[in-house]
Structure formats: C-alpha cells, structure tokens
C-alpha cells in the first residue's frame, strides 16, 4: 500500500475493541511520526500513554473540570489513549502557533500510522483539554497545552468506521490572486 492509499483509506473509529498496540509497537510508530516537518528541529511536543487505571484518573479529572460528581466514562471507550501535548520551546525563529502545528502534525501522522498498522483510531478533543484539573492530571508544565487524545483500539469485526465525506479539492485549492493594475 502506498502512502496515498493509506491516507485515502483512513477513517475515524468511534468504537474499538479492547486490544491495543504494545508499548514497543507504539514507540516504533512514534519514532516515524516524529519525522514531520519541524522548523529548527525543536520537537515541541510530547505524548502521554494512558492505559488501564490511567484512564480512570482522566475520567475523574474531566468530571472535576466539568463540575460533575461521577467520573466521565469517555476515557474508558478505548484501551489506549495517547495524550497529544504541545510543549512549547523558546525560539526567536519559530512562533508558538508553528510549534502547535508541529505537535498537531505528529498526532495526525501517528493516527495514520496506527490506522495503517490495523488499529482503530479517533482523535478526541473538547473544551476540557484546557481545564486546569485535566492539565494537572497529565502533569503538564506551564509551557504545555493538551491538544487532545488519540483513542486507540482494535477494529471490531463486522463494524464499520465513521462516515467521511469526500473532499472536493477543486473547491479548496486556488491560485494567488493577480495584482490589480493601478
């Protein structure tokens, strides 16, 4: 399968089974995902692997952030969650927005690699990604922001991925406008 084929085949999986890649399998994919374009090679990102009871701690932090009494069960929807963290570095050349773009690129590349390796993946975000209780649960530093989580698990037999509309590239690609003559 070519990279183009893999990208065209990628789908989000909102329901996955309880299998997940091992830590070692994950490291191999992260090493490849980390090759995204990265101005000045700052590596302004890190990933946090959540398995088992880690997901329950996240559920409690989400509940605290939302003012709920009972823990959120959302983190229990997949056996592996990968928290995507923008970890900003001081740089005169690379602005903060560009560093966040690198972290997002790593997350997207990792989701493609996981999908290509046969795993179901869904990138979840939400307003609580910026909540203090959730940041504290992840051990984030003051120079870091949580961008969301990749929910990862096995693709259940007989289930279909989420629907994805086709992209009409003609509507999204244009040329630079011509300068107006004075």
N, C-alpha and C. Protein backbone atom coordinates (compact mmCIF):
# COMPACT_ATOMS: atom_id res chain seq x y z
N UNK A 1 0.85 -1.18 0.00
CA UNK A 1 0.00 0.00 0.00
C UNK A 1 0.89 1.24 0.00
N UNK A 2 0.56 2.20 -0.83
CA UNK A 2 1.31 3.43 -0.88
C UNK A 2 0.82 4.39 0.21
N UNK A 3 1.58 5.46 0.44
CA UNK A 3 1.15 6.48 1.41
C UNK A 3 -0.18 7.08 0.97
N UNK A 4 -0.35 7.31 -0.32
CA UNK A 4 -1.60 7.86 -0.84
C UNK A 4 -2.77 6.92 -0.54
N UNK A 5 -2.56 5.63 -0.76
CA UNK A 5 -3.60 4.65 -0.46
C UNK A 5 -3.96 4.66 1.02
N UNK A 6 -2.94 4.71 1.87
CA UNK A 6 -3.17 4.70 3.32
C UNK A 6 -3.96 5.93 3.76
N UNK A 7 -3.62 7.09 3.22
CA UNK A 7 -4.33 8.32 3.58
C UNK A 7 -5.77 8.27 3.08
N UNK A 8 -5.96 7.80 1.87
CA UNK A 8 -7.32 7.70 1.32
C UNK A 8 -8.19 6.72 2.09
N UNK A 9 -7.58 5.70 2.68
CA UNK A 9 -8.33 4.66 3.40
C UNK A 9 -8.61 5.02 4.85
N UNK A 10 -7.92 6.03 5.39
CA UNK A 10 -8.06 6.37 6.80
C UNK A 10 -9.47 6.79 7.16
N UNK A 11 -9.94 6.26 8.26
CA UNK A 11 -11.26 6.60 8.80
C UNK A 11 -11.14 6.70 10.31
N UNK A 12 -12.02 7.46 10.93
CA UNK A 12 -12.09 7.51 12.39
C UNK A 12 -12.93 6.34 12.88
N UNK A 13 -12.49 5.72 13.97
CA UNK A 13 -13.21 4.59 14.57
C UNK A 13 -13.72 5.02 15.94
N UNK A 14 -15.01 5.30 16.06
CA UNK A 14 -15.56 5.74 17.34
C UNK A 14 -15.76 4.57 18.31
N UNK A 15 -15.84 3.38 17.79
CA UNK A 15 -15.96 2.19 18.64
C UNK A 15 -14.83 1.23 18.29
N UNK A 16 -14.09 0.84 19.32
CA UNK A 16 -12.97 -0.09 19.14
C UNK A 16 -13.09 -1.20 20.18
N UNK A 17 -12.37 -2.30 19.96
CA UNK A 17 -12.39 -3.37 20.95
C UNK A 17 -11.27 -3.15 21.97
N UNK A 18 -11.07 -4.12 22.87
CA UNK A 18 -10.15 -3.92 23.99
C UNK A 18 -8.70 -4.33 23.72
N UNK A 19 -8.33 -4.51 22.46
CA UNK A 19 -6.93 -4.77 22.14
C UNK A 19 -6.26 -3.45 21.75
N UNK A 20 -4.95 -3.39 21.94
CA UNK A 20 -4.21 -2.17 21.62
C UNK A 20 -2.77 -2.53 21.29
N UNK A 21 -2.08 -1.65 20.58
CA UNK A 21 -0.67 -1.91 20.32
C UNK A 21 0.14 -1.90 21.62
N UNK A 22 1.19 -2.68 21.64
CA UNK A 22 2.06 -2.72 22.82
C UNK A 22 2.85 -1.41 22.90
N UNK A 23 3.47 -1.20 24.03
CA UNK A 23 4.33 -0.02 24.22
C UNK A 23 5.43 0.01 23.16
N UNK A 24 6.04 -1.14 22.90
CA UNK A 24 7.13 -1.22 21.91
C UNK A 24 6.61 -0.92 20.50
N UNK A 25 5.43 -1.45 20.15
CA UNK A 25 4.84 -1.14 18.84
C UNK A 25 4.59 0.36 18.72
N UNK A 26 4.08 0.95 19.80
CA UNK A 26 3.80 2.38 19.81
C UNK A 26 5.08 3.19 19.60
N UNK A 27 6.15 2.81 20.27
CA UNK A 27 7.42 3.54 20.14
C UNK A 27 7.91 3.56 18.69
N UNK A 28 7.77 2.44 18.01
CA UNK A 28 8.18 2.36 16.61
C UNK A 28 7.41 3.36 15.76
N UNK A 29 6.11 3.44 15.98
CA UNK A 29 5.26 4.35 15.20
C UNK A 29 5.52 5.81 15.57
N UNK A 30 5.75 6.08 16.84
CA UNK A 30 6.04 7.45 17.28
C UNK A 30 7.36 7.93 16.68
N UNK A 31 8.35 7.06 16.62
CA UNK A 31 9.64 7.44 16.02
C UNK A 31 9.45 7.87 14.56
N UNK A 32 8.56 7.19 13.86
CA UNK A 32 8.29 7.56 12.46
C UNK A 32 7.45 8.84 12.39
N UNK A 33 6.43 8.95 13.24
CA UNK A 33 5.56 10.13 13.24
C UNK A 33 6.34 11.40 13.57
N UNK A 34 7.36 11.26 14.38
CA UNK A 34 8.16 12.40 14.78
C UNK A 34 9.00 13.00 13.66
N UNK A 35 8.93 12.43 12.48
CA UNK A 35 9.69 12.93 11.34
C UNK A 35 8.95 14.04 10.58
N UNK A 36 7.83 14.53 11.12
CA UNK A 36 7.10 15.61 10.45
C UNK A 36 7.99 16.84 10.33
N UNK A 37 7.60 17.74 9.43
CA UNK A 37 8.34 19.00 9.27
C UNK A 37 8.37 19.73 10.61
N UNK A 38 9.56 20.16 11.01
CA UNK A 38 9.74 20.76 12.34
C UNK A 38 10.83 21.82 12.24
N UNK A 39 10.42 23.05 12.02
CA UNK A 39 11.34 24.17 11.87
C UNK A 39 12.29 24.23 13.06
N UNK A 40 13.57 24.23 12.79
CA UNK A 40 14.64 24.25 13.80
C UNK A 40 14.73 22.98 14.63
N UNK A 41 14.01 21.94 14.25
CA UNK A 41 14.02 20.65 14.97
C UNK A 41 13.83 20.83 16.48
N UNK A 42 12.86 21.64 16.86
CA UNK A 42 12.60 21.90 18.28
C UNK A 42 11.93 20.74 19.00
N UNK A 43 11.24 19.90 18.25
CA UNK A 43 10.42 18.82 18.83
C UNK A 43 9.53 19.39 19.94
N UNK A 44 8.64 20.32 19.58
CA UNK A 44 7.79 20.97 20.58
C UNK A 44 6.53 20.16 20.91
N UNK A 45 6.72 18.91 21.23
CA UNK A 45 5.60 18.03 21.51
C UNK A 45 6.07 16.89 22.39
N UNK A 46 5.11 16.29 23.02
CA UNK A 46 5.35 15.01 23.69
C UNK A 46 4.01 14.28 23.76
N UNK A 47 4.09 12.99 24.00
CA UNK A 47 2.89 12.15 24.07
C UNK A 47 2.85 11.46 25.42
N UNK A 48 1.65 11.30 25.95
CA UNK A 48 1.47 10.61 27.22
C UNK A 48 0.58 9.40 26.96
N UNK A 49 1.09 8.23 27.30
CA UNK A 49 0.40 6.96 27.08
C UNK A 49 -0.49 6.67 28.29
N UNK A 50 -1.80 6.52 28.07
CA UNK A 50 -2.74 6.21 29.15
C UNK A 50 -3.34 4.83 28.90
N UNK A 51 -3.12 3.94 29.85
CA UNK A 51 -3.67 2.59 29.79
C UNK A 51 -4.25 2.26 31.15
N UNK A 52 -5.11 1.26 31.21
CA UNK A 52 -5.64 0.77 32.49
C UNK A 52 -6.22 1.87 33.35
N UNK A 53 -5.78 1.94 34.61
CA UNK A 53 -6.34 2.88 35.57
C UNK A 53 -6.00 4.34 35.26
N UNK A 54 -5.02 4.58 34.39
CA UNK A 54 -4.73 5.95 33.96
C UNK A 54 -5.99 6.59 33.38
N UNK A 55 -6.77 5.79 32.66
CA UNK A 55 -7.98 6.29 32.02
C UNK A 55 -9.03 6.68 33.05
N UNK A 56 -9.06 5.96 34.18
CA UNK A 56 -9.99 6.30 35.26
C UNK A 56 -9.59 7.62 35.92
N UNK A 57 -8.29 7.84 36.09
CA UNK A 57 -7.81 9.11 36.63
C UNK A 57 -8.20 10.27 35.71
N UNK A 58 -8.09 10.05 34.41
CA UNK A 58 -8.51 11.07 33.46
C UNK A 58 -10.01 11.32 33.57
N UNK A 59 -10.80 10.25 33.72
CA UNK A 59 -12.25 10.41 33.88
C UNK A 59 -12.60 11.25 35.09
N UNK A 60 -11.87 11.06 36.19
CA UNK A 60 -12.09 11.86 37.40
C UNK A 60 -11.70 13.32 37.16
N UNK A 61 -10.61 13.55 36.44
CA UNK A 61 -10.17 14.92 36.15
C UNK A 61 -11.16 15.64 35.24
N UNK A 62 -11.70 14.93 34.27
CA UNK A 62 -12.72 15.52 33.38
C UNK A 62 -13.95 15.88 34.19
N UNK A 63 -14.37 14.99 35.09
CA UNK A 63 -15.54 15.26 35.94
C UNK A 63 -15.30 16.51 36.79
N UNK A 64 -14.11 16.61 37.37
CA UNK A 64 -13.79 17.78 38.18
C UNK A 64 -13.85 19.05 37.34
N UNK A 65 -13.31 18.99 36.12
CA UNK A 65 -13.30 20.14 35.23
C UNK A 65 -14.72 20.56 34.83
N UNK A 66 -15.61 19.60 34.74
CA UNK A 66 -16.99 19.88 34.32
C UNK A 66 -17.93 20.10 35.51
N UNK A 67 -17.42 19.92 36.72
CA UNK A 67 -18.26 20.08 37.89
C UNK A 67 -19.21 18.91 38.11
N UNK A 68 -18.89 17.75 37.57
CA UNK A 68 -19.71 16.55 37.73
C UNK A 68 -19.27 15.77 38.97
N UNK A 69 -20.21 15.04 39.56
CA UNK A 69 -19.89 14.24 40.75
C UNK A 69 -19.29 12.89 40.39
N UNK A 70 -19.76 12.29 39.29
CA UNK A 70 -19.23 10.98 38.92
C UNK A 70 -18.25 11.10 37.76
N UNK A 71 -17.23 10.25 37.77
CA UNK A 71 -16.19 10.30 36.74
C UNK A 71 -16.75 10.11 35.34
N UNK A 72 -16.14 10.78 34.39
CA UNK A 72 -16.51 10.60 32.99
C UNK A 72 -16.08 9.20 32.54
N UNK A 73 -16.93 8.57 31.76
CA UNK A 73 -16.59 7.24 31.23
C UNK A 73 -15.98 7.33 29.83
N UNK A 74 -15.89 8.53 29.28
CA UNK A 74 -15.33 8.69 27.93
C UNK A 74 -13.94 8.07 27.79
N UNK A 75 -13.04 8.26 28.75
CA UNK A 75 -11.70 7.67 28.58
C UNK A 75 -11.68 6.14 28.59
N UNK A 76 -12.80 5.52 28.96
CA UNK A 76 -12.85 4.06 29.00
C UNK A 76 -13.30 3.46 27.68
N UNK A 77 -13.53 4.30 26.68
CA UNK A 77 -14.03 3.84 25.39
C UNK A 77 -12.96 3.20 24.52
N UNK A 78 -11.70 3.28 24.94
CA UNK A 78 -10.61 2.64 24.20
C UNK A 78 -9.56 2.17 25.21
N UNK A 79 -8.86 1.08 24.91
CA UNK A 79 -7.87 0.57 25.86
C UNK A 79 -6.60 1.42 25.93
N UNK A 80 -6.35 2.22 24.91
CA UNK A 80 -5.17 3.07 24.88
C UNK A 80 -5.58 4.48 24.46
N UNK A 81 -5.20 5.44 25.28
CA UNK A 81 -5.34 6.84 24.92
C UNK A 81 -3.95 7.43 24.85
N UNK A 82 -3.73 8.23 23.85
CA UNK A 82 -2.44 8.91 23.70
C UNK A 82 -2.71 10.41 23.77
N UNK A 83 -2.31 11.02 24.88
CA UNK A 83 -2.48 12.45 25.04
C UNK A 83 -1.43 13.16 24.19
N UNK A 84 -1.90 14.11 23.39
CA UNK A 84 -1.02 14.88 22.50
C UNK A 84 -0.78 16.24 23.16
N UNK A 85 0.47 16.51 23.45
CA UNK A 85 0.84 17.72 24.19
C UNK A 85 1.75 18.60 23.34
N UNK A 86 1.33 19.86 23.18
CA UNK A 86 2.23 20.86 22.58
C UNK A 86 3.12 21.34 23.71
N UNK A 87 4.42 21.16 23.55
CA UNK A 87 5.39 21.50 24.57
C UNK A 87 6.28 22.60 23.99
N UNK A 88 5.85 23.84 24.22
CA UNK A 88 6.46 24.99 23.56
C UNK A 88 7.89 25.23 24.02
N UNK A 89 8.75 25.56 23.06
CA UNK A 89 10.16 25.85 23.32
C UNK A 89 10.42 27.34 23.04
N UNK A 90 11.36 27.90 23.76
CA UNK A 90 11.75 29.29 23.47
C UNK A 90 12.49 29.31 22.14
N UNK A 91 12.05 30.23 21.29
CA UNK A 91 12.68 30.35 19.98
C UNK A 91 12.39 31.73 19.40
N UNK A 92 13.41 32.36 18.87
CA UNK A 92 13.23 33.63 18.17
C UNK A 92 12.77 33.40 16.74
N UNK A 93 12.97 32.19 16.23
CA UNK A 93 12.65 31.87 14.85
C UNK A 93 11.30 31.17 14.66
N UNK A 94 10.87 30.41 15.66
CA UNK A 94 9.69 29.57 15.49
C UNK A 94 8.59 30.01 16.46
N UNK A 95 7.54 30.68 15.94
CA UNK A 95 6.48 31.15 16.81
C UNK A 95 5.66 30.01 17.41
N UNK A 96 4.93 30.34 18.45
CA UNK A 96 4.12 29.37 19.19
C UNK A 96 3.14 28.63 18.27
N UNK A 97 2.46 29.35 17.37
CA UNK A 97 1.48 28.71 16.50
C UNK A 97 2.14 27.64 15.64
N UNK A 98 3.37 27.88 15.20
CA UNK A 98 4.06 26.92 14.36
C UNK A 98 4.46 25.68 15.17
N UNK A 99 4.79 25.88 16.42
CA UNK A 99 5.13 24.75 17.29
C UNK A 99 3.89 23.89 17.55
N UNK A 100 2.74 24.54 17.73
CA UNK A 100 1.50 23.78 17.91
C UNK A 100 1.16 23.01 16.63
N UNK A 101 1.44 23.60 15.47
CA UNK A 101 1.20 22.91 14.20
C UNK A 101 2.06 21.65 14.11
N UNK A 102 3.29 21.71 14.60
CA UNK A 102 4.17 20.52 14.59
C UNK A 102 3.57 19.43 15.47
N UNK A 103 3.13 19.80 16.68
CA UNK A 103 2.52 18.80 17.58
C UNK A 103 1.28 18.19 16.94
N UNK A 104 0.47 19.01 16.29
CA UNK A 104 -0.72 18.50 15.60
C UNK A 104 -0.32 17.58 14.45
N UNK A 105 0.74 17.95 13.74
CA UNK A 105 1.23 17.11 12.65
C UNK A 105 1.68 15.74 13.13
N UNK A 106 2.35 15.71 14.27
CA UNK A 106 2.78 14.43 14.84
C UNK A 106 1.55 13.58 15.18
N UNK A 107 0.55 14.20 15.79
CA UNK A 107 -0.66 13.46 16.15
C UNK A 107 -1.34 12.90 14.92
N UNK A 108 -1.47 13.71 13.88
CA UNK A 108 -2.13 13.22 12.67
C UNK A 108 -1.32 12.12 12.00
N UNK A 109 -0.02 12.32 11.91
CA UNK A 109 0.83 11.30 11.31
C UNK A 109 0.75 9.99 12.11
N UNK A 110 0.75 10.10 13.43
CA UNK A 110 0.63 8.90 14.26
C UNK A 110 -0.71 8.22 14.04
N UNK A 111 -1.78 9.00 13.89
CA UNK A 111 -3.09 8.38 13.65
C UNK A 111 -3.09 7.64 12.32
N UNK A 112 -2.43 8.19 11.31
CA UNK A 112 -2.33 7.50 10.01
C UNK A 112 -1.53 6.20 10.14
N UNK A 113 -0.42 6.27 10.86
CA UNK A 113 0.43 5.09 11.03
C UNK A 113 -0.29 4.00 11.83
N UNK A 114 -1.01 4.40 12.87
CA UNK A 114 -1.77 3.43 13.65
C UNK A 114 -2.86 2.78 12.79
N UNK A 115 -3.56 3.59 12.01
CA UNK A 115 -4.59 3.05 11.13
C UNK A 115 -3.99 2.09 10.12
N UNK A 116 -2.88 2.48 9.52
CA UNK A 116 -2.22 1.63 8.54
C UNK A 116 -1.74 0.32 9.16
N UNK A 117 -1.41 0.35 10.47
CA UNK A 117 -0.97 -0.87 11.17
C UNK A 117 -2.15 -1.73 11.61
N UNK A 118 -3.38 -1.28 11.30
CA UNK A 118 -4.56 -2.10 11.59
C UNK A 118 -5.34 -1.70 12.82
N UNK A 119 -4.97 -0.61 13.46
CA UNK A 119 -5.66 -0.17 14.68
C UNK A 119 -6.73 0.86 14.36
N UNK A 120 -7.80 0.84 15.15
CA UNK A 120 -8.83 1.86 15.04
C UNK A 120 -8.41 3.07 15.86
N UNK A 121 -8.57 4.26 15.28
CA UNK A 121 -8.11 5.49 15.94
C UNK A 121 -9.17 6.58 15.79
N UNK A 122 -9.32 7.35 16.86
CA UNK A 122 -10.18 8.53 16.85
C UNK A 122 -9.48 9.62 17.64
N UNK A 123 -9.38 10.82 17.07
CA UNK A 123 -8.77 11.95 17.77
C UNK A 123 -9.88 12.70 18.47
N UNK A 124 -9.88 12.69 19.81
CA UNK A 124 -10.90 13.39 20.60
C UNK A 124 -10.32 14.68 21.16
N UNK A 125 -11.15 15.71 21.11
CA UNK A 125 -10.79 16.98 21.71
C UNK A 125 -11.96 17.40 22.60
N UNK A 126 -11.99 18.59 23.02
CA UNK A 126 -13.09 19.10 23.83
C UNK A 126 -12.62 20.25 24.69
N UNK A 127 -13.57 21.00 25.21
CA UNK A 127 -13.21 22.18 26.00
C UNK A 127 -12.40 21.82 27.24
N UNK A 128 -12.56 20.61 27.76
CA UNK A 128 -11.82 20.24 28.96
C UNK A 128 -10.34 19.94 28.69
N UNK A 129 -9.91 19.95 27.42
CA UNK A 129 -8.47 19.77 27.16
C UNK A 129 -7.67 20.92 27.75
N UNK A 130 -8.32 22.09 27.95
CA UNK A 130 -7.63 23.25 28.50
C UNK A 130 -7.95 23.48 29.98
N UNK A 131 -8.66 22.55 30.60
CA UNK A 131 -9.04 22.68 32.01
C UNK A 131 -7.85 22.40 32.93
N UNK A 132 -7.77 23.15 34.02
CA UNK A 132 -6.66 23.00 34.97
C UNK A 132 -6.60 21.60 35.56
N UNK A 133 -7.76 21.04 35.92
CA UNK A 133 -7.77 19.71 36.53
C UNK A 133 -7.22 18.65 35.57
N UNK A 134 -7.53 18.79 34.30
CA UNK A 134 -7.07 17.83 33.29
C UNK A 134 -5.56 18.03 33.04
N UNK A 135 -5.12 19.28 32.98
CA UNK A 135 -3.69 19.56 32.81
C UNK A 135 -2.90 18.99 33.98
N UNK A 136 -3.43 19.19 35.18
CA UNK A 136 -2.75 18.68 36.38
C UNK A 136 -2.66 17.16 36.36
N UNK A 137 -3.74 16.50 35.95
CA UNK A 137 -3.74 15.03 35.89
C UNK A 137 -2.69 14.51 34.92
N UNK A 138 -2.41 15.26 33.88
CA UNK A 138 -1.41 14.87 32.89
C UNK A 138 0.01 15.32 33.26
N UNK A 139 0.13 16.10 34.32
CA UNK A 139 1.45 16.59 34.74
C UNK A 139 2.04 17.59 33.76
N UNK A 140 1.18 18.43 33.17
CA UNK A 140 1.66 19.40 32.19
C UNK A 140 2.41 20.54 32.87
N UNK A 141 3.46 21.00 32.21
CA UNK A 141 4.20 22.17 32.67
C UNK A 141 3.49 23.43 32.19
N UNK A 142 3.89 24.57 32.69
CA UNK A 142 3.23 25.83 32.33
C UNK A 142 3.45 26.18 30.86
N UNK A 143 4.45 25.61 30.21
CA UNK A 143 4.71 25.86 28.80
C UNK A 143 4.07 24.81 27.89
N UNK A 144 3.09 24.08 28.42
CA UNK A 144 2.47 23.00 27.65
C UNK A 144 0.96 23.15 27.59
N UNK A 145 0.39 22.62 26.50
CA UNK A 145 -1.06 22.57 26.33
C UNK A 145 -1.45 21.20 25.78
N UNK A 146 -2.55 20.69 26.28
CA UNK A 146 -3.09 19.43 25.79
C UNK A 146 -3.92 19.70 24.54
N UNK A 147 -3.62 19.02 23.45
CA UNK A 147 -4.35 19.20 22.20
C UNK A 147 -5.47 18.18 22.03
N UNK A 148 -5.47 17.14 22.82
CA UNK A 148 -6.49 16.10 22.71
C UNK A 148 -5.86 14.73 22.91
N UNK A 149 -6.65 13.71 22.62
CA UNK A 149 -6.20 12.33 22.80
C UNK A 149 -6.50 11.52 21.56
N UNK A 150 -5.58 10.64 21.22
CA UNK A 150 -5.87 9.62 20.22
C UNK A 150 -6.42 8.42 20.99
N UNK A 151 -7.65 8.03 20.69
CA UNK A 151 -8.26 6.83 21.27
C UNK A 151 -7.91 5.70 20.33
N UNK A 152 -7.26 4.65 20.86
CA UNK A 152 -6.74 3.57 20.02
C UNK A 152 -7.20 2.22 20.54
N UNK A 153 -7.65 1.38 19.63
CA UNK A 153 -8.03 0.02 19.97
C UNK A 153 -8.16 -0.81 18.71
N UNK A 154 -8.54 -2.05 18.89
CA UNK A 154 -8.72 -2.93 17.74
C UNK A 154 -9.96 -2.55 16.95
N UNK A 155 -9.88 -2.76 15.65
CA UNK A 155 -11.05 -2.55 14.80
C UNK A 155 -11.97 -3.75 14.96
N UNK A 156 -13.18 -3.55 15.51
CA UNK A 156 -14.05 -4.68 15.76
C UNK A 156 -14.53 -5.34 14.46
N UNK A 157 -14.55 -6.66 14.46
CA UNK A 157 -15.00 -7.41 13.29
C UNK A 157 -16.47 -7.08 13.01
N UNK A 158 -16.77 -6.87 11.77
CA UNK A 158 -18.14 -6.62 11.37
C UNK A 158 -18.61 -5.18 11.57
N UNK A 159 -17.80 -4.35 12.18
CA UNK A 159 -18.18 -2.94 12.40
C UNK A 159 -17.55 -2.09 11.30
N UNK A 160 -18.20 -0.98 11.02
CA UNK A 160 -17.68 -0.05 10.02
C UNK A 160 -17.18 1.20 10.71
N UNK A 161 -16.18 1.86 10.11
CA UNK A 161 -15.67 3.11 10.69
C UNK A 161 -16.70 4.22 10.52
N UNK A 162 -16.41 5.37 11.13
CA UNK A 162 -17.28 6.52 10.96
C UNK A 162 -17.32 6.95 9.50
N UNK A 163 -18.39 7.64 9.12
CA UNK A 163 -18.52 8.10 7.73
C UNK A 163 -17.63 9.31 7.50
N UNK A 164 -17.13 9.41 6.33
CA UNK A 164 -16.27 10.53 5.95
C UNK A 164 -16.70 11.01 4.58
N UNK A 165 -17.00 12.28 4.45
CA UNK A 165 -17.39 12.84 3.16
C UNK A 165 -16.16 12.99 2.28
N UNK A 166 -16.37 12.81 0.98
CA UNK A 166 -15.28 13.00 0.03
C UNK A 166 -14.87 14.47 0.02
N UNK A 167 -13.61 14.70 -0.27
CA UNK A 167 -13.07 16.06 -0.34
C UNK A 167 -13.05 16.50 -1.80
N UNK A 168 -13.70 17.62 -2.09
CA UNK A 168 -13.65 18.19 -3.44
C UNK A 168 -12.50 19.19 -3.47
N UNK A 169 -11.35 18.72 -3.90
CA UNK A 169 -10.15 19.55 -3.89
C UNK A 169 -10.29 20.80 -4.75
N UNK A 170 -11.11 20.74 -5.81
CA UNK A 170 -11.28 21.91 -6.67
C UNK A 170 -11.82 23.10 -5.91
N UNK A 171 -12.61 22.86 -4.88
CA UNK A 171 -13.19 23.95 -4.09
C UNK A 171 -12.23 24.49 -3.04
N UNK A 172 -11.16 23.78 -2.79
CA UNK A 172 -10.26 24.13 -1.70
C UNK A 172 -8.87 24.59 -2.14
N UNK A 173 -8.58 24.45 -3.43
CA UNK A 173 -7.27 24.85 -3.94
C UNK A 173 -7.46 25.99 -4.94
N UNK A 174 -6.74 27.05 -4.74
CA UNK A 174 -6.83 28.19 -5.65
C UNK A 174 -5.43 28.68 -5.98
N UNK A 175 -5.38 29.69 -6.82
CA UNK A 175 -4.11 30.32 -7.19
C UNK A 175 -4.02 31.66 -6.48
N UNK A 176 -2.85 32.19 -6.41
CA UNK A 176 -2.61 33.51 -5.85
C UNK A 176 -3.35 34.53 -6.71
N UNK A 177 -4.08 35.47 -6.10
CA UNK A 177 -4.78 36.47 -6.92
C UNK A 177 -3.77 37.37 -7.66
N UNK A 178 -4.17 37.79 -8.83
CA UNK A 178 -3.33 38.69 -9.63
C UNK A 178 -3.37 40.09 -8.99
N UNK A 179 -2.26 40.77 -9.03
CA UNK A 179 -2.20 42.14 -8.52
C UNK A 179 -3.05 43.03 -9.41
N UNK A 180 -3.80 43.92 -8.80
CA UNK A 180 -4.65 44.84 -9.57
C UNK A 180 -3.77 45.94 -10.16
N UNK A 181 -4.04 46.26 -11.41
CA UNK A 181 -3.29 47.35 -12.07
C UNK A 181 -3.86 48.67 -11.61
N UNK A 182 -2.97 49.60 -11.39
CA UNK A 182 -3.40 50.94 -10.94
C UNK A 182 -3.57 51.87 -12.12
